[in-house]
Structures are given as C-alpha cells and as structure tokens.
Amino acid sequence: MATTLSGYTSYSENKNRPDHDLIANLFKRISIPIIAEGRISYPNEAVFCLKNGAWSVVVGSAITRPQDY
C-alpha cells in the first residue's frame, strides 16, 4: 500500500506536507507494508512517517530536483 497520490487528486485535500494521518490510519487497519510517498522532503518528515507505521519512505523530487528546495 502506498500513499503516493494523497493530496494530488480531487478526492483528497491539497496538502503541502506528507499525509501523516493517512499513514497512521492505514497502519492501524491493514497488515501489509505501507510505503510512504508524496511531499516528503526533509529527514524529520521521513522519520515521522517511519515512527507512525510506514515500512519504508520514498523521497523523489527532494533527491532528483534539490534545486527546488
């Protein structure tokens, strides 16, 4: 299970941070690994995702386009 599109679709709020609530709620309800992805740009955001149930974290544009940060 991945959180990639949270905040990017008409079905979810347009968030400017990782969807920590979604990660925590998924962790409570499902038993498969959760991949946190989307709007994770800083180490503290990745750590928060991991501490709240993410099995792993994908950091895309912060690595591929560091000039944007």
C-alpha atoms as a PDB file:
ATOM      1  CA  MET A   1       0.000   0.000   0.000  1.00  0.00           C
ATOM      2  CA  ALA A   2       1.409   3.416  -0.922  1.00  0.00           C
ATOM      3  CA  THR A   3       0.335   6.951  -0.114  1.00  0.00           C
ATOM      4  CA  THR A   4       1.626   8.398  -3.397  1.00  0.00           C
ATOM      5  CA  LEU A   5      -1.478  10.256  -4.598  1.00  0.00           C
ATOM      6  CA  SER A   6      -2.712  11.637  -1.308  1.00  0.00           C
ATOM      7  CA  GLY A   7      -3.120  15.370  -1.744  1.00  0.00           C
ATOM      8  CA  TYR A   8      -2.759  15.264  -5.517  1.00  0.00           C
ATOM      9  CA  THR A   9      -6.263  14.214  -6.559  1.00  0.00           C
ATOM     10  CA  SER A  10      -9.725  15.721  -6.388  1.00  0.00           C
ATOM     11  CA  TYR A  11     -10.560  13.059  -3.772  1.00  0.00           C
ATOM     12  CA  SER A  12      -8.079  14.355  -1.216  1.00  0.00           C
ATOM     13  CA  GLU A  13      -7.104  17.680   0.255  1.00  0.00           C
ATOM     14  CA  ASN A  14      -4.318  19.557  -1.436  1.00  0.00           C
ATOM     15  CA  LYS A  15      -1.720  19.173   1.293  1.00  0.00           C
ATOM     16  CA  ASN A  16       1.721  20.729   1.360  1.00  0.00           C
ATOM     17  CA  ARG A  17       3.128  18.108   3.737  1.00  0.00           C
ATOM     18  CA  PRO A  18       3.119  14.311   3.950  1.00  0.00           C
ATOM     19  CA  ASP A  19      -0.261  12.807   4.846  1.00  0.00           C
ATOM     20  CA  HIS A  20       0.688  11.645   8.332  1.00  0.00           C
ATOM     21  CA  ASP A  21      -2.929  10.933   9.288  1.00  0.00           C
ATOM     22  CA  LEU A  22      -3.362   8.575   6.336  1.00  0.00           C
ATOM     23  CA  ILE A  23      -0.179   6.690   7.222  1.00  0.00           C
ATOM     24  CA  ALA A  24      -1.179   6.292  10.877  1.00  0.00           C
ATOM     25  CA  ASN A  25      -4.733   5.215   9.994  1.00  0.00           C
ATOM     26  CA  LEU A  26      -3.552   2.682   7.415  1.00  0.00           C
ATOM     27  CA  PHE A  27      -1.101   1.223   9.925  1.00  0.00           C
ATOM     28  CA  LYS A  28      -3.926   0.653  12.394  1.00  0.00           C
ATOM     29  CA  ARG A  29      -6.188  -1.023   9.829  1.00  0.00           C
ATOM     30  CA  ILE A  30      -4.090  -3.133   7.467  1.00  0.00           C
ATOM     31  CA  SER A  31      -1.346  -5.699   7.911  1.00  0.00           C
ATOM     32  CA  ILE A  32       0.591  -5.146   4.671  1.00  0.00           C
ATOM     33  CA  PRO A  33       3.625  -2.844   4.435  1.00  0.00           C
ATOM     34  CA  ILE A  34       2.910   0.850   3.923  1.00  0.00           C
ATOM     35  CA  ILE A  35       5.166   2.792   1.575  1.00  0.00           C
ATOM     36  CA  ALA A  36       5.076   6.490   2.448  1.00  0.00           C
ATOM     37  CA  GLU A  37       5.461   8.633  -0.640  1.00  0.00           C
ATOM     38  CA  GLY A  38       4.419  12.139  -1.526  1.00  0.00           C
ATOM     39  CA  ARG A  39       5.602  15.507  -0.287  1.00  0.00           C
ATOM     40  CA  ILE A  40       8.368  14.055   1.890  1.00  0.00           C
ATOM     41  CA  SER A  41      11.256  16.483   1.564  1.00  0.00           C
ATOM     42  CA  TYR A  42      13.069  16.614   4.889  1.00  0.00           C
ATOM     43  CA  PRO A  43      14.605  13.996   7.182  1.00  0.00           C
ATOM     44  CA  ASN A  44      12.232  14.829  10.046  1.00  0.00           C
ATOM     45  CA  GLU A  45       9.236  14.137   7.778  1.00  0.00           C
ATOM     46  CA  ALA A  46      10.645  10.746   6.798  1.00  0.00           C
ATOM     47  CA  VAL A  47      11.350   9.866  10.440  1.00  0.00           C
ATOM     48  CA  PHE A  48       7.803  10.842  11.416  1.00  0.00           C
ATOM     49  CA  CYS A  49       6.388   8.566   8.692  1.00  0.00           C
ATOM     50  CA  LEU A  50       8.515   5.647   9.879  1.00  0.00           C
ATOM     51  CA  LYS A  51       7.579   6.187  13.526  1.00  0.00           C
ATOM     52  CA  ASN A  52       3.899   6.225  12.582  1.00  0.00           C
ATOM     53  CA  GLY A  53       3.838   2.923  10.738  1.00  0.00           C
ATOM     54  CA  ALA A  54       5.474   3.333   7.336  1.00  0.00           C
ATOM     55  CA  TRP A  55       7.574   0.323   6.374  1.00  0.00           C
ATOM     56  CA  SER A  56       9.670   2.485   4.055  1.00  0.00           C
ATOM     57  CA  VAL A  57       9.771   6.016   2.668  1.00  0.00           C
ATOM     58  CA  VAL A  58      10.228   7.184  -0.925  1.00  0.00           C
ATOM     59  CA  VAL A  59      11.763  10.612  -1.395  1.00  0.00           C
ATOM     60  CA  GLY A  60      11.596  11.668  -5.026  1.00  0.00           C
ATOM     61  CA  SER A  61      11.958  15.277  -6.032  1.00  0.00           C
ATOM     62  CA  ALA A  62      13.987  16.238  -2.962  1.00  0.00           C
ATOM     63  CA  ILE A  63      16.704  13.989  -4.376  1.00  0.00           C
ATOM     64  CA  THR A  64      16.128  14.374  -8.103  1.00  0.00           C
ATOM     65  CA  ARG A  65      15.495  18.156  -8.064  1.00  0.00           C
ATOM     66  CA  PRO A  66      17.316  19.532  -4.992  1.00  0.00           C
ATOM     67  CA  GLN A  67      17.386  22.998  -6.540  1.00  0.00           C
ATOM     68  CA  ASP A  68      13.657  23.226  -5.861  1.00  0.00           C
ATOM     69  CA  TYR A  69      14.277  23.123  -2.104  1.00  0.00           C
END
